[in-house]
Amino acid sequence: LRHGGKEVPRTEAHPGDIVFYEQVAPGT
């Protein structure tokens, strides 16, 4: 993100893109 990357909606993801998973539930 600091070097030219940008977030896009999941529906706009293409092969080669990187998907990052964020923790949503507490307790881990």
PDB file of all heavy atoms in Angstrom:
ATOM      1  N   LEU A   1       0.824  -1.216   0.000  1.00  0.00           N
ATOM      2  CA  LEU A   1       0.000   0.000   0.000  1.00  0.00           C
ATOM      3  C   LEU A   1       0.856   1.263   0.000  1.00  0.00           C
ATOM      4  O   LEU A   1       0.473   2.274  -0.589  1.00  0.00           O
ATOM      5  CB  LEU A   1      -0.958  -0.006   1.193  1.00  0.00           C
ATOM      6  CG  LEU A   1      -2.088  -1.028   1.105  1.00  0.00           C
ATOM      7  CD1 LEU A   1      -2.865  -1.072   2.420  1.00  0.00           C
ATOM      8  CD2 LEU A   1      -3.013  -0.722  -0.063  1.00  0.00           C
ATOM      9  N   ARG A   2       2.021   1.220   0.630  1.00  0.00           N
ATOM     10  CA  ARG A   2       2.914   2.388   0.640  1.00  0.00           C
ATOM     11  C   ARG A   2       3.651   2.568  -0.686  1.00  0.00           C
ATOM     12  O   ARG A   2       4.209   3.625  -0.945  1.00  0.00           O
ATOM     13  CB  ARG A   2       3.952   2.253   1.759  1.00  0.00           C
ATOM     14  CG  ARG A   2       3.414   2.550   3.137  1.00  0.00           C
ATOM     15  CD  ARG A   2       4.540   2.683   4.157  1.00  0.00           C
ATOM     16  NE  ARG A   2       5.401   1.517   4.216  1.00  0.00           N
ATOM     17  CZ  ARG A   2       5.262   0.503   5.051  1.00  0.00           C
ATOM     18  NH1 ARG A   2       4.266   0.490   5.911  1.00  0.00           N
ATOM     19  NH2 ARG A   2       6.106  -0.501   5.045  1.00  0.00           N
ATOM     20  N   HIS A   3       3.678   1.529  -1.519  1.00  0.00           N
ATOM     21  CA  HIS A   3       4.468   1.565  -2.745  1.00  0.00           C
ATOM     22  C   HIS A   3       3.625   1.331  -3.998  1.00  0.00           C
ATOM     23  O   HIS A   3       4.038   0.608  -4.902  1.00  0.00           O
ATOM     24  CB  HIS A   3       5.615   0.552  -2.657  1.00  0.00           C
ATOM     25  CG  HIS A   3       6.594   0.909  -1.595  1.00  0.00           C
ATOM     26  ND1 HIS A   3       7.572   1.858  -1.761  1.00  0.00           N
ATOM     27  CD2 HIS A   3       6.712   0.474  -0.316  1.00  0.00           C
ATOM     28  CE1 HIS A   3       8.265   1.983  -0.645  1.00  0.00           C
ATOM     29  NE2 HIS A   3       7.768   1.152   0.252  1.00  0.00           N
ATOM     30  N   GLY A   4       2.464   1.938  -4.051  1.00  0.00           N
ATOM     31  CA  GLY A   4       1.664   1.933  -5.266  1.00  0.00           C
ATOM     32  C   GLY A   4       0.517   0.948  -5.316  1.00  0.00           C
ATOM     33  O   GLY A   4      -0.283   0.985  -6.245  1.00  0.00           O
ATOM     34  N   GLY A   5       0.401   0.065  -4.348  1.00  0.00           N
ATOM     35  CA  GLY A   5      -0.721  -0.864  -4.326  1.00  0.00           C
ATOM     36  C   GLY A   5      -1.989  -0.145  -3.900  1.00  0.00           C
ATOM     37  O   GLY A   5      -1.945   0.930  -3.305  1.00  0.00           O
ATOM     38  N   LYS A   6      -3.117  -0.707  -4.239  1.00  0.00           N
ATOM     39  CA  LYS A   6      -4.389  -0.114  -3.815  1.00  0.00           C
ATOM     40  C   LYS A   6      -5.386  -1.216  -3.497  1.00  0.00           C
ATOM     41  O   LYS A   6      -5.303  -2.326  -4.021  1.00  0.00           O
ATOM     42  CB  LYS A   6      -4.952   0.805  -4.891  1.00  0.00           C
ATOM     43  CG  LYS A   6      -5.340   0.100  -6.165  1.00  0.00           C
ATOM     44  CD  LYS A   6      -5.929   1.058  -7.175  1.00  0.00           C
ATOM     45  CE  LYS A   6      -6.368   0.280  -8.414  1.00  0.00           C
ATOM     46  NZ  LYS A   6      -7.093   1.105  -9.333  1.00  0.00           N
ATOM     47  N   GLU A   7      -6.304  -0.904  -2.615  1.00  0.00           N
ATOM     48  CA  GLU A   7      -7.361  -1.843  -2.270  1.00  0.00           C
ATOM     49  C   GLU A   7      -8.452  -1.769  -3.321  1.00  0.00           C
ATOM     50  O   GLU A   7      -8.782  -0.686  -3.803  1.00  0.00           O
ATOM     51  CB  GLU A   7      -7.940  -1.514  -0.895  1.00  0.00           C
ATOM     52  CG  GLU A   7      -6.973  -1.791   0.234  1.00  0.00           C
ATOM     53  CD  GLU A   7      -7.625  -1.637   1.599  1.00  0.00           C
ATOM     54  OE1 GLU A   7      -8.800  -2.041   1.759  1.00  0.00           O
ATOM     55  OE2 GLU A   7      -6.956  -1.117   2.490  1.00  0.00           O
ATOM     56  N   VAL A   8      -8.985  -2.915  -3.676  1.00  0.00           N
ATOM     57  CA  VAL A   8     -10.117  -2.986  -4.603  1.00  0.00           C
ATOM     58  C   VAL A   8     -11.163  -3.914  -4.005  1.00  0.00           C
ATOM     59  O   VAL A   8     -10.834  -4.794  -3.206  1.00  0.00           O
ATOM     60  CB  VAL A   8      -9.694  -3.498  -6.005  1.00  0.00           C
ATOM     61  CG1 VAL A   8      -8.706  -2.556  -6.654  1.00  0.00           C
ATOM     62  CG2 VAL A   8      -9.146  -4.903  -5.945  1.00  0.00           C
ATOM     63  N   PRO A   9     -12.423  -3.742  -4.399  1.00  0.00           N
ATOM     64  CA  PRO A   9     -13.450  -4.679  -3.914  1.00  0.00           C
ATOM     65  C   PRO A   9     -13.168  -6.097  -4.398  1.00  0.00           C
ATOM     66  O   PRO A   9     -12.548  -6.293  -5.447  1.00  0.00           O
ATOM     67  CB  PRO A   9     -14.742  -4.152  -4.550  1.00  0.00           C
ATOM     68  CG  PRO A   9     -14.447  -2.754  -4.968  1.00  0.00           C
ATOM     69  CD  PRO A   9     -12.978  -2.688  -5.233  1.00  0.00           C
ATOM     70  N   ARG A  10     -13.620  -7.064  -3.648  1.00  0.00           N
ATOM     71  CA  ARG A  10     -13.424  -8.466  -4.026  1.00  0.00           C
ATOM     72  C   ARG A  10     -13.915  -8.760  -5.435  1.00  0.00           C
ATOM     73  O   ARG A  10     -13.328  -9.558  -6.159  1.00  0.00           O
ATOM     74  CB  ARG A  10     -14.189  -9.360  -3.042  1.00  0.00           C
ATOM     75  CG  ARG A  10     -13.326 -10.330  -2.353  1.00  0.00           C
ATOM     76  CD  ARG A  10     -14.088 -11.305  -1.517  1.00  0.00           C
ATOM     77  NE  ARG A  10     -15.321 -10.799  -0.942  1.00  0.00           N
ATOM     78  CZ  ARG A  10     -15.965 -11.379   0.033  1.00  0.00           C
ATOM     79  NH1 ARG A  10     -15.513 -12.492   0.532  1.00  0.00           N
ATOM     80  NH2 ARG A  10     -17.067 -10.873   0.516  1.00  0.00           N
ATOM     81  N   THR A  11     -14.994  -8.092  -5.824  1.00  0.00           N
ATOM     82  CA  THR A  11     -15.568  -8.330  -7.149  1.00  0.00           C
ATOM     83  C   THR A  11     -14.664  -7.847  -8.278  1.00  0.00           C
ATOM     84  O   THR A  11     -14.873  -8.203  -9.429  1.00  0.00           O
ATOM     85  CB  THR A  11     -16.929  -7.629  -7.276  1.00  0.00           C
ATOM     86  OG1 THR A  11     -16.763  -6.236  -7.002  1.00  0.00           O
ATOM     87  CG2 THR A  11     -17.939  -8.236  -6.311  1.00  0.00           C
ATOM     88  N   GLU A  12     -13.649  -7.040  -7.968  1.00  0.00           N
ATOM     89  CA  GLU A  12     -12.733  -6.525  -8.984  1.00  0.00           C
ATOM     90  C   GLU A  12     -11.361  -7.208  -8.949  1.00  0.00           C
ATOM     91  O   GLU A  12     -10.447  -6.803  -9.662  1.00  0.00           O
ATOM     92  CB  GLU A  12     -12.552  -5.014  -8.811  1.00  0.00           C
ATOM     93  CG  GLU A  12     -13.812  -4.224  -9.084  1.00  0.00           C
ATOM     94  CD  GLU A  12     -13.621  -2.738  -8.883  1.00  0.00           C
ATOM     95  OE1 GLU A  12     -12.471  -2.248  -8.949  1.00  0.00           O
ATOM     96  OE2 GLU A  12     -14.633  -2.051  -8.647  1.00  0.00           O
ATOM     97  N   ALA A  13     -11.230  -8.233  -8.135  1.00  0.00           N
ATOM     98  CA  ALA A  13      -9.949  -8.945  -8.042  1.00  0.00           C
ATOM     99  C   ALA A  13      -9.696  -9.748  -9.309  1.00  0.00           C
ATOM    100  O   ALA A  13     -10.618 -10.327  -9.888  1.00  0.00           O
ATOM    101  CB  ALA A  13      -9.944  -9.863  -6.828  1.00  0.00           C
ATOM    102  N   HIS A  14      -8.437  -9.784  -9.747  1.00  0.00           N
ATOM    103  CA  HIS A  14      -8.023 -10.511 -10.944  1.00  0.00           C
ATOM    104  C   HIS A  14      -6.894 -11.474 -10.594  1.00  0.00           C
ATOM    105  O   HIS A  14      -6.200 -11.281  -9.597  1.00  0.00           O
ATOM    106  CB  HIS A  14      -7.517  -9.545 -12.016  1.00  0.00           C
ATOM    107  CG  HIS A  14      -8.527  -8.564 -12.496  1.00  0.00           C
ATOM    108  ND1 HIS A  14      -9.841  -8.868 -12.733  1.00  0.00           N
ATOM    109  CD2 HIS A  14      -8.418  -7.241 -12.798  1.00  0.00           C
ATOM    110  CE1 HIS A  14     -10.487  -7.803 -13.158  1.00  0.00           C
ATOM    111  NE2 HIS A  14      -9.645  -6.794 -13.193  1.00  0.00           N
ATOM    112  N   PRO A  15      -6.682 -12.502 -11.440  1.00  0.00           N
ATOM    113  CA  PRO A  15      -5.549 -13.394 -11.199  1.00  0.00           C
ATOM    114  C   PRO A  15      -4.244 -12.604 -11.064  1.00  0.00           C
ATOM    115  O   PRO A  15      -3.996 -11.663 -11.817  1.00  0.00           O
ATOM    116  CB  PRO A  15      -5.540 -14.284 -12.447  1.00  0.00           C
ATOM    117  CG  PRO A  15      -6.980 -14.334 -12.860  1.00  0.00           C
ATOM    118  CD  PRO A  15      -7.490 -12.936 -12.600  1.00  0.00           C
ATOM    119  N   GLY A  16      -3.478 -12.969 -10.058  1.00  0.00           N
ATOM    120  CA  GLY A  16      -2.227 -12.270  -9.763  1.00  0.00           C
ATOM    121  C   GLY A  16      -2.359 -11.277  -8.620  1.00  0.00           C
ATOM    122  O   GLY A  16      -1.372 -10.893  -8.013  1.00  0.00           O
ATOM    123  N   ASP A  17      -3.582 -10.835  -8.333  1.00  0.00           N
ATOM    124  CA  ASP A  17      -3.797  -9.934  -7.200  1.00  0.00           C
ATOM    125  C   ASP A  17      -3.587 -10.696  -5.891  1.00  0.00           C
ATOM    126  O   ASP A  17      -3.698 -11.919  -5.853  1.00  0.00           O
ATOM    127  CB  ASP A  17      -5.218  -9.361  -7.212  1.00  0.00           C
ATOM    128  CG  ASP A  17      -5.443  -8.352  -8.326  1.00  0.00           C
ATOM    129  OD1 ASP A  17      -4.463  -7.919  -8.953  1.00  0.00           O
ATOM    130  OD2 ASP A  17      -6.611  -7.992  -8.559  1.00  0.00           O
ATOM    131  N   ILE A  18      -3.298  -9.965  -4.837  1.00  0.00           N
ATOM    132  CA  ILE A  18      -3.118 -10.569  -3.518  1.00  0.00           C
ATOM    133  C   ILE A  18      -4.307 -10.209  -2.651  1.00  0.00           C
ATOM    134  O   ILE A  18      -4.691  -9.036  -2.578  1.00  0.00           O
ATOM    135  CB  ILE A  18      -1.812 -10.097  -2.856  1.00  0.00           C
ATOM    136  CG1 ILE A  18      -0.616 -10.449  -3.741  1.00  0.00           C
ATOM    137  CG2 ILE A  18      -1.658 -10.714  -1.466  1.00  0.00           C
ATOM    138  CD1 ILE A  18       0.693  -9.880  -3.261  1.00  0.00           C
ATOM    139  N   VAL A  19      -4.893 -11.200  -2.028  1.00  0.00           N
ATOM    140  CA  VAL A  19      -6.013 -11.006  -1.113  1.00  0.00           C
ATOM    141  C   VAL A  19      -5.475 -11.135   0.305  1.00  0.00           C
ATOM    142  O   VAL A  19      -4.744 -12.076   0.615  1.00  0.00           O
ATOM    143  CB  VAL A  19      -7.110 -12.071  -1.342  1.00  0.00           C
ATOM    144  CG1 VAL A  19      -8.238 -11.921  -0.337  1.00  0.00           C
ATOM    145  CG2 VAL A  19      -7.633 -12.003  -2.762  1.00  0.00           C
ATOM    146  N   PHE A  20      -5.818 -10.178   1.156  1.00  0.00           N
ATOM    147  CA  PHE A  20      -5.405 -10.215   2.552  1.00  0.00           C
ATOM    148  C   PHE A  20      -6.628 -10.482   3.420  1.00  0.00           C
ATOM    149  O   PHE A  20      -7.699  -9.932   3.186  1.00  0.00           O
ATOM    150  CB  PHE A  20      -4.755  -8.886   2.955  1.00  0.00           C
ATOM    151  CG  PHE A  20      -3.434  -8.663   2.271  1.00  0.00           C
ATOM    152  CD1 PHE A  20      -3.361  -7.917   1.107  1.00  0.00           C
ATOM    153  CD2 PHE A  20      -2.281  -9.211   2.785  1.00  0.00           C
ATOM    154  CE1 PHE A  20      -2.148  -7.718   0.467  1.00  0.00           C
ATOM    155  CE2 PHE A  20      -1.059  -9.026   2.151  1.00  0.00           C
ATOM    156  CZ  PHE A  20      -0.997  -8.281   0.993  1.00  0.00           C
ATOM    157  N   TYR A  21      -6.447 -11.343   4.411  1.00  0.00           N
ATOM    158  CA  TYR A  21      -7.532 -11.705   5.313  1.00  0.00           C
ATOM    159  C   TYR A  21      -7.329 -11.020   6.654  1.00  0.00           C
ATOM    160  O   TYR A  21      -6.263 -11.129   7.252  1.00  0.00           O
ATOM    161  CB  TYR A  21      -7.573 -13.222   5.509  1.00  0.00           C
ATOM    162  CG  TYR A  21      -7.892 -13.951   4.233  1.00  0.00           C
ATOM    163  CD1 TYR A  21      -6.873 -14.359   3.371  1.00  0.00           C
ATOM    164  CD2 TYR A  21      -9.209 -14.209   3.879  1.00  0.00           C
ATOM    165  CE1 TYR A  21      -7.169 -15.021   2.186  1.00  0.00           C
ATOM    166  CE2 TYR A  21      -9.508 -14.877   2.692  1.00  0.00           C
ATOM    167  CZ  TYR A  21      -8.484 -15.267   1.857  1.00  0.00           C
ATOM    168  OH  TYR A  21      -8.760 -15.919   0.688  1.00  0.00           O
ATOM    169  N   GLU A  22      -8.384 -10.337   7.115  1.00  0.00           N
ATOM    170  CA  GLU A  22      -8.336  -9.647   8.405  1.00  0.00           C
ATOM    171  C   GLU A  22      -9.156 -10.421   9.431  1.00  0.00           C
ATOM    172  O   GLU A  22     -10.198 -10.982   9.104  1.00  0.00           O
ATOM    173  CB  GLU A  22      -8.894  -8.233   8.274  1.00  0.00           C
ATOM    174  CG  GLU A  22      -8.021  -7.315   7.445  1.00  0.00           C
ATOM    175  CD  GLU A  22      -8.559  -5.902   7.364  1.00  0.00           C
ATOM    176  OE1 GLU A  22      -9.614  -5.612   7.965  1.00  0.00           O
ATOM    177  OE2 GLU A  22      -7.924  -5.086   6.696  1.00  0.00           O
ATOM    178  N   GLN A  23      -8.675 -10.413  10.666  1.00  0.00           N
ATOM    179  CA  GLN A  23      -9.384 -11.043  11.769  1.00  0.00           C
ATOM    180  C   GLN A  23     -10.647 -10.252  12.059  1.00  0.00           C
ATOM    181  O   GLN A  23     -10.612  -9.032  12.162  1.00  0.00           O
ATOM    182  CB  GLN A  23      -8.482 -11.086  13.013  1.00  0.00           C
ATOM    183  CG  GLN A  23      -9.085 -11.771  14.191  1.00  0.00           C
ATOM    184  CD  GLN A  23      -9.269 -13.258  13.955  1.00  0.00           C
ATOM    185  OE1 GLN A  23      -8.538 -13.874  13.201  1.00  0.00           O
ATOM    186  NE2 GLN A  23     -10.252 -13.829  14.602  1.00  0.00           N
ATOM    187  N   VAL A  24     -11.779 -10.941  12.176  1.00  0.00           N
ATOM    188  CA  VAL A  24     -13.032 -10.245  12.462  1.00  0.00           C
ATOM    189  C   VAL A  24     -13.569 -10.545  13.853  1.00  0.00           C
ATOM    190  O   VAL A  24     -14.251  -9.716  14.441  1.00  0.00           O
ATOM    191  CB  VAL A  24     -14.121 -10.557  11.404  1.00  0.00           C
ATOM    192  CG1 VAL A  24     -13.735  -9.973  10.064  1.00  0.00           C
ATOM    193  CG2 VAL A  24     -14.379 -12.035  11.283  1.00  0.00           C
ATOM    194  N   ALA A  25     -13.292 -11.715  14.397  1.00  0.00           N
ATOM    195  CA  ALA A  25     -13.834 -12.094  15.700  1.00  0.00           C
ATOM    196  C   ALA A  25     -12.792 -11.929  16.793  1.00  0.00           C
ATOM    197  O   ALA A  25     -11.614 -12.182  16.578  1.00  0.00           O
ATOM    198  CB  ALA A  25     -14.314 -13.540  15.665  1.00  0.00           C
ATOM    199  N   PRO A  26     -13.222 -11.520  17.979  1.00  0.00           N
ATOM    200  CA  PRO A  26     -12.281 -11.455  19.103  1.00  0.00           C
ATOM    201  C   PRO A  26     -12.020 -12.848  19.665  1.00  0.00           C
ATOM    202  O   PRO A  26     -12.663 -13.816  19.287  1.00  0.00           O
ATOM    203  CB  PRO A  26     -13.033 -10.591  20.121  1.00  0.00           C
ATOM    204  CG  PRO A  26     -14.477 -10.824  19.813  1.00  0.00           C
ATOM    205  CD  PRO A  26     -14.547 -11.056  18.328  1.00  0.00           C
ATOM    206  N   GLY A  27     -11.052 -12.926  20.558  1.00  0.00           N
ATOM    207  CA  GLY A  27     -10.804 -14.169  21.274  1.00  0.00           C
ATOM    208  C   GLY A  27      -9.708 -15.035  20.692  1.00  0.00           C
ATOM    209  O   GLY A  27      -9.601 -16.195  21.044  1.00  0.00           O
ATOM    210  N   THR A  28      -8.898 -14.502  19.777  1.00  0.00           N
ATOM    211  CA  THR A  28      -7.768 -15.253  19.249  1.00  0.00           C
ATOM    212  C   THR A  28      -6.507 -14.442  19.510  1.00  0.00           C
ATOM    213  O   THR A  28      -6.563 -13.330  20.019  1.00  0.00           O
ATOM    214  CB  THR A  28      -7.915 -15.491  17.726  1.00  0.00           C
ATOM    215  OG1 THR A  28      -7.835 -14.230  17.063  1.00  0.00           O
ATOM    216  CG2 THR A  28      -9.238 -16.157  17.392  1.00  0.00           C
TER     217      THR A  28
END
